[in-house]
Every structure is written in C-alpha cells, then in structure tokens.
Amino acid sequence: MTDTASIELKFEGDNIKPSDVKASEIAELIKSFEGAVEGVVREKHPEIKKELVLISFDEVKHESISIRCVAHKATEYVLPAYLTIATSFSENNFSGLPYSSIF
C-alpha cells in the first residue's frame, strides 16, 4: 500500500484565471510550494532523503488556479508539513516555518 494523499494548491481572488497568468509564474509558485514542504519535512525529519518526499500532479483545473497534487509519503511527512504551511498562511504568521521553506 502506498502512502499518498491528495493535496490542493488553489490561488483565488481578484477574478484570477489560468489564462491571465504566465505558465512560468505558476511554475514558480509550485516550485516554491514544493520547496516549502521539503523545508518543513527536513526540519522535522532530517534523516529522510529529499527524493522520497514527492509531490506530483494529479489534476489541473480551470477554476481560479487550482492544481491537485499527489503527495507521496503523505501521512508521516507531507500532510503535517502542508498543514503547517497552510496554517501559517491562514494566520499570516510565518514564524513557525523554517527559513529554508520561506527563502
């Protein structure tokens, strides 16, 4: 049994549509998110190899900008990191994130 979960990146507001955003800008957002997850995972689990924590595409929608991803090693590593990052954004408090997940 594989340890995967579906996670979603959704950028909405100001009537944002995929057709209004450069592909390179979306790619940079995805890359930054992936780096943030890796940073949180590595801070909490320094023994894990970076290539074991994989976020891959599952679905891309034309609703705002919504990208569904499959998070591998989800239960132990990715979901806790995802929740840490999502909470930081919702509370507008990034002090709990490791430096490597922000920059």
Foldseek 3Di string as FASTA:
>chain_A
DWDKDKDKDADDDPHAWPVVDDPVVVVVVVVLQLQQLLQQQCVVPVPDDSVQFDWAFDDFDGDRTMTMIMTTVPPPGRVVSVVLVVVCVVVVHCPPGDPRSRD
